[in-house]
C-alpha atoms as a PDB file:
ATOM      1  CA  MET A   1     -31.796 270.518 101.080  1.00  0.00           C
ATOM      2  CA  PRO A   2     -34.705 271.725 103.712  1.00  0.00           C
ATOM      3  CA  GLY A   3     -34.387 270.662 106.983  1.00  0.00           C
ATOM      4  CA  SER A   4     -30.569 269.502 106.649  1.00  0.00           C
ATOM      5  CA  THR A   5     -28.160 271.445 108.702  1.00  0.00           C
ATOM      6  CA  ILE A   6     -24.699 274.055 107.351  1.00  0.00           C
ATOM      7  CA  PRO A   7     -21.748 273.081 109.264  1.00  0.00           C
ATOM      8  CA  LEU A   8     -20.176 276.658 109.625  1.00  0.00           C
ATOM      9  CA  ALA A   9     -16.924 277.363 110.434  1.00  0.00           C
ATOM     10  CA  ILE A  10     -15.397 279.994 112.315  1.00  0.00           C
ATOM     11  CA  ALA A  11     -11.418 280.905 112.611  1.00  0.00           C
ATOM     12  CA  ILE A  12     -10.568 282.552 115.470  1.00  0.00           C
ATOM     13  CA  SER A  13      -7.219 283.903 115.741  1.00  0.00           C
ATOM     14  CA  PHE A  14      -5.364 285.791 119.147  1.00  0.00           C
ATOM     15  CA  THR A  15      -2.261 287.773 119.151  1.00  0.00           C
ATOM     16  CA  ILE A  16      -0.239 287.472 121.714  1.00  0.00           C
ATOM     17  CA  VAL A  17       1.806 290.197 122.243  1.00  0.00           C
ATOM     18  CA  VAL A  18       4.893 289.734 124.703  1.00  0.00           C
ATOM     19  CA  SER A  19       6.303 292.704 126.152  1.00  0.00           C
ATOM     20  CA  ALA A  20      10.360 293.011 127.795  1.00  0.00           C
ATOM     21  CA  TRP A  21       8.182 295.608 130.291  1.00  0.00           C
ATOM     22  CA  THR A  22       8.483 294.681 133.467  1.00  0.00           C
ATOM     23  CA  PRO A  23       8.199 296.416 136.852  1.00  0.00           C
ATOM     24  CA  SER A  24      12.052 297.224 137.568  1.00  0.00           C
ATOM     25  CA  ALA A  25      12.583 298.286 133.568  1.00  0.00           C
ATOM     26  CA  ALA A  26       9.528 301.548 134.286  1.00  0.00           C
ATOM     27  CA  VAL A  27      11.454 301.964 137.407  1.00  0.00           C
ATOM     28  CA  GLN A  28      14.777 302.414 135.651  1.00  0.00           C
ATOM     29  CA  GLN A  29      13.112 304.200 132.585  1.00  0.00           C
ATOM     30  CA  ALA A  30      11.684 306.662 134.967  1.00  0.00           C
ATOM     31  CA  HIS A  31      14.810 307.962 136.111  1.00  0.00           C
ATOM     32  CA  ALA A  32      16.400 307.707 133.091  1.00  0.00           C
ATOM     33  CA  ARG A  33      18.223 310.424 132.864  1.00  0.00           C
ATOM     34  CA  ILE A  34      20.095 312.705 129.126  1.00  0.00           C
ATOM     35  CA  ILE A  35      23.813 313.379 130.047  1.00  0.00           C
ATOM     36  CA  THR A  36      24.615 316.052 128.116  1.00  0.00           C
ATOM     37  CA  ILE A  37      28.293 316.185 127.175  1.00  0.00           C
ATOM     38  CA  LEU A  38      29.774 318.813 124.842  1.00  0.00           C
ATOM     39  CA  THR A  39      32.445 317.896 122.355  1.00  0.00           C
ATOM     40  CA  THR A  40      35.084 320.674 122.024  1.00  0.00           C
ATOM     41  CA  ARG A  41      38.284 322.110 121.058  1.00  0.00           C
ATOM     42  CA  ASP A  42      39.008 325.950 122.920  1.00  0.00           C
ATOM     43  CA  SER A  43      42.605 327.365 124.053  1.00  0.00           C
ATOM     44  CA  ALA A  44      42.618 324.435 126.537  1.00  0.00           C
ATOM     45  CA  GLY A  45      42.483 321.244 123.746  1.00  0.00           C
ATOM     46  CA  MET A  46      40.440 319.040 122.464  1.00  0.00           C
ATOM     47  CA  ARG A  47      38.304 317.550 124.704  1.00  0.00           C
ATOM     48  CA  PHE A  48      34.592 316.008 126.154  1.00  0.00           C
ATOM     49  CA  SER A  49      32.975 318.390 128.809  1.00  0.00           C
ATOM     50  CA  PRO A  50      32.577 317.104 131.139  1.00  0.00           C
ATOM     51  CA  SER A  51      35.199 314.185 130.714  1.00  0.00           C
ATOM     52  CA  ARG A  52      34.162 312.155 133.797  1.00  0.00           C
ATOM     53  CA  ILE A  53      30.833 310.997 133.264  1.00  0.00           C
ATOM     54  CA  VAL A  54      28.547 308.905 135.993  1.00  0.00           C
ATOM     55  CA  ALA A  55      25.627 307.254 134.396  1.00  0.00           C
ATOM     56  CA  HIS A  56      23.242 304.496 135.084  1.00  0.00           C
ATOM     57  CA  ARG A  57      21.848 301.500 133.217  1.00  0.00           C
ATOM     58  CA  GLY A  58      19.257 303.384 130.497  1.00  0.00           C
ATOM     59  CA  ASP A  59      20.470 306.742 131.154  1.00  0.00           C
ATOM     60  CA  ILE A  60      21.228 308.737 127.902  1.00  0.00           C
ATOM     61  CA  LEU A  61      24.790 309.885 127.015  1.00  0.00           C
ATOM     62  CA  HIS A  62      23.687 312.924 124.760  1.00  0.00           C
ATOM     63  CA  PHE A  63      27.063 314.328 122.409  1.00  0.00           C
ATOM     64  CA  VAL A  64      26.949 317.871 121.246  1.00  0.00           C
ATOM     65  CA  ASN A  65      29.812 319.307 119.203  1.00  0.00           C
ATOM     66  CA  GLY A  66      30.609 322.212 119.914  1.00  0.00           C
ATOM     67  CA  ALA A  67      33.498 322.838 117.323  1.00  0.00           C
ATOM     68  CA  GLY A  68      35.694 320.903 114.710  1.00  0.00           C
ATOM     69  CA  ARG A  69      35.393 316.959 114.034  1.00  0.00           C
ATOM     70  CA  HIS A  70      34.445 314.391 116.830  1.00  0.00           C
ATOM     71  CA  ASN A  71      33.193 310.324 117.098  1.00  0.00           C
ATOM     72  CA  VAL A  72      32.699 308.273 120.335  1.00  0.00           C
ATOM     73  CA  ASP A  73      34.646 305.345 120.668  1.00  0.00           C
ATOM     74  CA  PHE A  74      34.342 302.693 123.435  1.00  0.00           C
ATOM     75  CA  VAL A  75      38.173 301.419 122.532  1.00  0.00           C
ATOM     76  CA  ALA A  76      37.606 297.264 122.602  1.00  0.00           C
ATOM     77  CA  ASP A  77      40.546 296.764 123.756  1.00  0.00           C
ATOM     78  CA  SER A  78      40.859 299.940 126.931  1.00  0.00           C
ATOM     79  CA  ASN A  79      37.660 298.295 128.077  1.00  0.00           C
ATOM     80  CA  PRO A  80      36.283 295.477 130.273  1.00  0.00           C
ATOM     81  CA  ARG A  81      36.386 292.134 127.844  1.00  0.00           C
ATOM     82  CA  ASN A  82      33.051 290.097 127.606  1.00  0.00           C
ATOM     83  CA  VAL A  83      30.897 293.156 127.162  1.00  0.00           C
ATOM     84  CA  ALA A  84      28.940 294.382 123.670  1.00  0.00           C
ATOM     85  CA  LEU A  85      30.033 297.708 123.820  1.00  0.00           C
ATOM     86  CA  PRO A  86      28.515 301.167 121.324  1.00  0.00           C
ATOM     87  CA  PRO A  87      29.494 300.703 118.047  1.00  0.00           C
ATOM     88  CA  VAL A  88      31.554 304.010 117.327  1.00  0.00           C
ATOM     89  CA  THR A  89      29.715 306.625 116.313  1.00  0.00           C
ATOM     90  CA  PRO A  90      29.943 308.449 113.187  1.00  0.00           C
ATOM     91  CA  LEU A  91      31.775 311.990 112.749  1.00  0.00           C
ATOM     92  CA  LEU A  92      29.907 315.016 113.985  1.00  0.00           C
ATOM     93  CA  GLU A  93      31.226 316.822 111.889  1.00  0.00           C
ATOM     94  CA  THR A  94      29.220 320.374 112.129  1.00  0.00           C
ATOM     95  CA  ALA A  95      28.780 322.243 115.500  1.00  0.00           C
ATOM     96  CA  GLY A  96      25.636 321.593 116.744  1.00  0.00           C
ATOM     97  CA  ALA A  97      25.534 317.728 115.315  1.00  0.00           C
ATOM     98  CA  THR A  98      24.695 315.250 117.984  1.00  0.00           C
ATOM     99  CA  VAL A  99      24.231 312.035 118.566  1.00  0.00           C
ATOM    100  CA  ASP A 100      22.948 309.771 121.348  1.00  0.00           C
ATOM    101  CA  ILE A 101      23.799 306.685 122.888  1.00  0.00           C
ATOM    102  CA  PRO A 102      22.188 304.952 125.305  1.00  0.00           C
ATOM    103  CA  VAL A 103      23.491 303.682 128.575  1.00  0.00           C
ATOM    104  CA  ASP A 104      23.021 299.690 128.588  1.00  0.00           C
ATOM    105  CA  LEU A 105      26.557 298.600 129.861  1.00  0.00           C
ATOM    106  CA  PRO A 106      26.693 296.525 132.952  1.00  0.00           C
ATOM    107  CA  PRO A 107      28.005 298.581 136.109  1.00  0.00           C
ATOM    108  CA  GLY A 108      31.579 299.844 135.544  1.00  0.00           C
ATOM    109  CA  ARG A 109      34.384 302.179 134.268  1.00  0.00           C
ATOM    110  CA  TYR A 110      34.641 302.641 129.979  1.00  0.00           C
ATOM    111  CA  TYR A 111      37.020 304.464 128.188  1.00  0.00           C
ATOM    112  CA  ILE A 112      36.105 306.647 125.532  1.00  0.00           C
ATOM    113  CA  GLN A 113      37.838 308.409 123.342  1.00  0.00           C
ATOM    114  CA  CYS A 114      37.557 310.604 119.800  1.00  0.00           C
ATOM    115  CA  ASP A 115      39.532 308.684 117.518  1.00  0.00           C
ATOM    116  CA  PRO A 116      40.694 312.139 115.378  1.00  0.00           C
ATOM    117  CA  HIS A 117      41.839 313.380 118.396  1.00  0.00           C
ATOM    118  CA  ALA A 118      43.063 310.784 121.073  1.00  0.00           C
ATOM    119  CA  ALA A 119      46.323 311.674 120.617  1.00  0.00           C
ATOM    120  CA  MET A 120      45.913 315.366 121.710  1.00  0.00           C
ATOM    121  CA  GLY A 121      43.768 314.036 125.198  1.00  0.00           C
ATOM    122  CA  MET A 122      40.077 313.516 123.906  1.00  0.00           C
ATOM    123  CA  VAL A 123      39.648 311.098 126.034  1.00  0.00           C
ATOM    124  CA  GLY A 124      37.036 310.430 129.030  1.00  0.00           C
ATOM    125  CA  HIS A 125      35.660 307.718 131.342  1.00  0.00           C
ATOM    126  CA  LEU A 126      32.129 306.616 131.765  1.00  0.00           C
ATOM    127  CA  ILE A 127      30.776 305.327 134.712  1.00  0.00           C
ATOM    128  CA  VAL A 128      27.964 303.234 135.171  1.00  0.00           C
ATOM    129  CA  GLU A 129      26.507 302.665 138.800  1.00  0.00           C
ATOM    130  CA  ARG A 130      24.143 300.218 139.782  1.00  0.00           C
END
């Protein structure tokens, strides 16, 4: 019909993206370090090198297999209760194989071991500082 109006519906869609970014998280990431730990066996035995690791939340533990078959286990009954520990890593079976573990733990002292070689002394401690 001439002179009549036709209603026009316009749908506007907004997408809101909520980010977990906070200024303190940005500062924390800016200071994050990659800490390299060698899993090895030599004349001194099987060990993590270093076996005492000092880190902060946000750092990355970068385990590199030097020789042998090794994993990293934050053993539940040897660590603080009510803390979500990183899962046991798969075995690193070839020289040069790596696994990264982000440090997302509250400040404290954490025990780690290589499951196949813990009885041979392949253990370590992660100290997470504030």
